[in-house]
Amino acid sequence: DARVAICVERGLDLVVGLLGILKAGGAYVPLDPSYPAERLAYMLKDSAPTAVLVQTTTRGLFDASAATLIDLDHSIWQNMPEHDPQVPGLSPSNLAYMIYTSGSTGLPKGVMIEHRSACNMVHWG
């Protein structure tokens, strides 16, 4: 259930980041780089991620002291083992992702989605 935020431009790095978070047993928190700085700061504080995946172009959106930043452009992930990590104790009730609504009160609200709910949504259609 460890949350890992990801703030990268749409493209291959986004897919790699999302898959990496899920394969490691974490839950991703998507942060859109086009959001205002105040909204990003609020979502970061509210979700309390263990790390934030960024790119060189999005690194400047975050205060380095707010969270551990992992820059996908300057990372060694390409040199990591290709096998899936073994994460004991994972189940369908673990978090898959946390998404924020627009927030009718002016503040975004985090909604936590479990793996089983995400699977149900995919199989429903």
C-alpha atoms as a PDB file:
ATOM      1  CA  ASP A   1       0.000   0.000   0.000  1.00  0.00           C
ATOM      2  CA  ALA A   2       3.016   2.311  -0.283  1.00  0.00           C
ATOM      3  CA  ARG A   3       2.046   5.260  -2.451  1.00  0.00           C
ATOM      4  CA  VAL A   4       4.455   6.520  -5.104  1.00  0.00           C
ATOM      5  CA  ALA A   5       3.574   9.718  -6.929  1.00  0.00           C
ATOM      6  CA  ILE A   6       4.423  10.082 -10.591  1.00  0.00           C
ATOM      7  CA  CYS A   7       4.679  13.431 -12.350  1.00  0.00           C
ATOM      8  CA  VAL A   8       5.975  12.939 -15.884  1.00  0.00           C
ATOM      9  CA  GLU A   9       4.877  13.972 -19.350  1.00  0.00           C
ATOM     10  CA  ARG A  10       2.729  11.497 -21.266  1.00  0.00           C
ATOM     11  CA  GLY A  11       4.927   8.992 -23.060  1.00  0.00           C
ATOM     12  CA  LEU A  12       7.084   5.935 -22.479  1.00  0.00           C
ATOM     13  CA  ASP A  13       8.430   7.157 -19.126  1.00  0.00           C
ATOM     14  CA  LEU A  14       4.877   7.350 -17.807  1.00  0.00           C
ATOM     15  CA  VAL A  15       4.163   3.739 -18.788  1.00  0.00           C
ATOM     16  CA  VAL A  16       7.502   2.528 -17.409  1.00  0.00           C
ATOM     17  CA  GLY A  17       6.920   4.394 -14.159  1.00  0.00           C
ATOM     18  CA  LEU A  18       3.384   3.085 -13.656  1.00  0.00           C
ATOM     19  CA  LEU A  19       4.399  -0.509 -14.373  1.00  0.00           C
ATOM     20  CA  GLY A  20       7.421  -0.223 -12.105  1.00  0.00           C
ATOM     21  CA  ILE A  21       5.324   1.068  -9.212  1.00  0.00           C
ATOM     22  CA  LEU A  22       2.729  -1.679  -9.629  1.00  0.00           C
ATOM     23  CA  LYS A  23       5.308  -4.467 -10.100  1.00  0.00           C
ATOM     24  CA  ALA A  24       7.026  -3.396  -6.886  1.00  0.00           C
ATOM     25  CA  GLY A  25       3.712  -3.702  -5.025  1.00  0.00           C
ATOM     26  CA  GLY A  26       3.094   0.018  -4.676  1.00  0.00           C
ATOM     27  CA  ALA A  27       0.156   2.224  -5.528  1.00  0.00           C
ATOM     28  CA  TYR A  28       0.615   5.108  -7.936  1.00  0.00           C
ATOM     29  CA  VAL A  29      -0.571   8.661  -7.428  1.00  0.00           C
ATOM     30  CA  PRO A  30      -0.731  10.467 -10.787  1.00  0.00           C
ATOM     31  CA  LEU A  31       0.231  14.140 -10.629  1.00  0.00           C
ATOM     32  CA  ASP A  32      -0.391  16.042 -13.848  1.00  0.00           C
ATOM     33  CA  PRO A  33       2.520  18.416 -14.591  1.00  0.00           C
ATOM     34  CA  SER A  34       0.052  20.965 -15.979  1.00  0.00           C
ATOM     35  CA  TYR A  35      -1.671  21.400 -12.598  1.00  0.00           C
ATOM     36  CA  PRO A  36      -1.055  24.634 -10.671  1.00  0.00           C
ATOM     37  CA  ALA A  37       1.791  24.444  -8.138  1.00  0.00           C
ATOM     38  CA  GLU A  38      -0.606  24.855  -5.200  1.00  0.00           C
ATOM     39  CA  ARG A  39      -2.678  21.862  -6.308  1.00  0.00           C
ATOM     40  CA  LEU A  40       0.414  19.686  -6.776  1.00  0.00           C
ATOM     41  CA  ALA A  41       1.724  20.691  -3.345  1.00  0.00           C
ATOM     42  CA  TYR A  42      -1.612  19.885  -1.720  1.00  0.00           C
ATOM     43  CA  MET A  43      -1.879  16.489  -3.431  1.00  0.00           C
ATOM     44  CA  LEU A  44       1.702  15.658  -2.494  1.00  0.00           C
ATOM     45  CA  LYS A  45       1.143  16.545   1.154  1.00  0.00           C
ATOM     46  CA  ASP A  46      -2.219  14.763   1.305  1.00  0.00           C
ATOM     47  CA  SER A  47      -1.103  11.519  -0.351  1.00  0.00           C
ATOM     48  CA  ALA A  48       2.224  11.365   1.561  1.00  0.00           C
ATOM     49  CA  PRO A  49       4.044   9.274  -1.063  1.00  0.00           C
ATOM     50  CA  THR A  50       7.266   7.443  -0.257  1.00  0.00           C
ATOM     51  CA  ALA A  51       8.776   8.917  -3.440  1.00  0.00           C
ATOM     52  CA  VAL A  52       7.907  10.991  -6.494  1.00  0.00           C
ATOM     53  CA  LEU A  53       8.957   9.848  -9.960  1.00  0.00           C
ATOM     54  CA  VAL A  54       9.858  12.857 -12.102  1.00  0.00           C
ATOM     55  CA  GLN A  55      11.668  13.782 -15.307  1.00  0.00           C
ATOM     56  CA  THR A  56      14.169  16.570 -15.808  1.00  0.00           C
ATOM     57  CA  THR A  57      11.320  18.765 -17.103  1.00  0.00           C
ATOM     58  CA  THR A  58       9.076  18.158 -14.055  1.00  0.00           C
ATOM     59  CA  ARG A  59      11.713  18.033 -11.291  1.00  0.00           C
ATOM     60  CA  GLY A  60      11.448  21.778 -10.676  1.00  0.00           C
ATOM     61  CA  LEU A  61       7.747  21.466  -9.778  1.00  0.00           C
ATOM     62  CA  PHE A  62       8.634  19.999  -6.382  1.00  0.00           C
ATOM     63  CA  ASP A  63      10.593  21.125  -3.375  1.00  0.00           C
ATOM     64  CA  ALA A  64      13.328  18.531  -2.886  1.00  0.00           C
ATOM     65  CA  SER A  65      12.636  18.461   0.861  1.00  0.00           C
ATOM     66  CA  ALA A  66       8.945  17.597   0.333  1.00  0.00           C
ATOM     67  CA  ALA A  67       9.622  14.031  -0.835  1.00  0.00           C
ATOM     68  CA  THR A  68      12.264  11.749  -2.269  1.00  0.00           C
ATOM     69  CA  LEU A  69      12.515  12.601  -5.972  1.00  0.00           C
ATOM     70  CA  ILE A  70      13.548   9.896  -8.442  1.00  0.00           C
ATOM     71  CA  ASP A  71      14.416  11.359 -11.836  1.00  0.00           C
ATOM     72  CA  LEU A  72      13.636   8.829 -14.567  1.00  0.00           C
ATOM     73  CA  ASP A  73      16.014  10.684 -16.906  1.00  0.00           C
ATOM     74  CA  HIS A  74      18.953  10.169 -14.512  1.00  0.00           C
ATOM     75  CA  SER A  75      18.112   6.824 -13.011  1.00  0.00           C
ATOM     76  CA  ILE A  76      19.702   3.417 -13.066  1.00  0.00           C
ATOM     77  CA  TRP A  77      16.394   1.591 -13.508  1.00  0.00           C
ATOM     78  CA  GLN A  78      17.554   0.383 -16.907  1.00  0.00           C
ATOM     79  CA  ASN A  79      20.237  -1.672 -15.124  1.00  0.00           C
ATOM     80  CA  MET A  80      17.851  -3.361 -12.692  1.00  0.00           C
ATOM     81  CA  PRO A  81      16.926  -7.064 -12.937  1.00  0.00           C
ATOM     82  CA  GLU A  82      14.231  -7.908 -15.459  1.00  0.00           C
ATOM     83  CA  HIS A  83      12.409 -10.381 -13.192  1.00  0.00           C
ATOM     84  CA  ASP A  84       9.430  -9.337 -11.122  1.00  0.00           C
ATOM     85  CA  PRO A  85      10.204  -8.562  -7.490  1.00  0.00           C
ATOM     86  CA  GLN A  86       8.581 -10.895  -4.992  1.00  0.00           C
ATOM     87  CA  VAL A  87       6.420  -8.883  -2.608  1.00  0.00           C
ATOM     88  CA  PRO A  88       4.906 -11.174   0.035  1.00  0.00           C
ATOM     89  CA  GLY A  89       1.435 -10.521   1.362  1.00  0.00           C
ATOM     90  CA  LEU A  90      -0.046  -8.674  -1.616  1.00  0.00           C
ATOM     91  CA  SER A  91      -3.726  -9.265  -2.232  1.00  0.00           C
ATOM     92  CA  PRO A  92      -6.582  -7.817  -4.272  1.00  0.00           C
ATOM     93  CA  SER A  93      -7.357  -5.527  -1.319  1.00  0.00           C
ATOM     94  CA  ASN A  94      -4.048  -3.671  -1.669  1.00  0.00           C
ATOM     95  CA  LEU A  95      -4.060  -0.220  -3.237  1.00  0.00           C
ATOM     96  CA  ALA A  96      -3.535   0.041  -6.981  1.00  0.00           C
ATOM     97  CA  TYR A  97      -3.734   3.820  -7.256  1.00  0.00           C
ATOM     98  CA  MET A  98      -4.956   6.982  -5.627  1.00  0.00           C
ATOM     99  CA  ILE A  99      -6.674   9.530  -7.815  1.00  0.00           C
ATOM    100  CA  TYR A 100      -7.865  13.004  -6.948  1.00  0.00           C
ATOM    101  CA  THR A 101     -11.277  14.425  -7.756  1.00  0.00           C
ATOM    102  CA  SER A 102     -11.768  18.063  -8.627  1.00  0.00           C
ATOM    103  CA  GLY A 103     -13.077  18.713  -5.137  1.00  0.00           C
ATOM    104  CA  SER A 104     -16.408  20.513  -4.796  1.00  0.00           C
ATOM    105  CA  THR A 105     -15.037  22.371  -1.757  1.00  0.00           C
ATOM    106  CA  GLY A 106     -12.135  23.767  -3.749  1.00  0.00           C
ATOM    107  CA  LEU A 107      -9.675  21.183  -2.433  1.00  0.00           C
ATOM    108  CA  PRO A 108      -9.069  17.962  -4.348  1.00  0.00           C
ATOM    109  CA  LYS A 109     -10.159  14.774  -2.602  1.00  0.00           C
ATOM    110  CA  GLY A 110      -8.087  11.599  -2.801  1.00  0.00           C
ATOM    111  CA  VAL A 111      -9.887   8.379  -3.679  1.00  0.00           C
ATOM    112  CA  MET A 112      -8.038   5.120  -3.067  1.00  0.00           C
ATOM    113  CA  ILE A 113      -8.680   2.316  -5.555  1.00  0.00           C
ATOM    114  CA  GLU A 114      -7.841  -1.289  -4.681  1.00  0.00           C
ATOM    115  CA  HIS A 115      -6.619  -3.812  -7.237  1.00  0.00           C
ATOM    116  CA  ARG A 116      -9.903  -5.731  -7.065  1.00  0.00           C
ATOM    117  CA  SER A 117     -11.886  -2.590  -7.918  1.00  0.00           C
ATOM    118  CA  ALA A 118      -9.615  -1.780 -10.838  1.00  0.00           C
ATOM    119  CA  CYS A 119      -9.968  -5.355 -12.145  1.00  0.00           C
ATOM    120  CA  ASN A 120     -13.756  -5.199 -11.793  1.00  0.00           C
ATOM    121  CA  MET A 121     -13.828  -2.006 -13.842  1.00  0.00           C
ATOM    122  CA  VAL A 122     -11.694  -3.547 -16.608  1.00  0.00           C
ATOM    123  CA  HIS A 123     -13.771  -6.738 -16.741  1.00  0.00           C
ATOM    124  CA  TRP A 124     -17.085  -4.846 -16.621  1.00  0.00           C
ATOM    125  CA  GLY A 125     -16.672  -3.385 -20.108  1.00  0.00           C
END
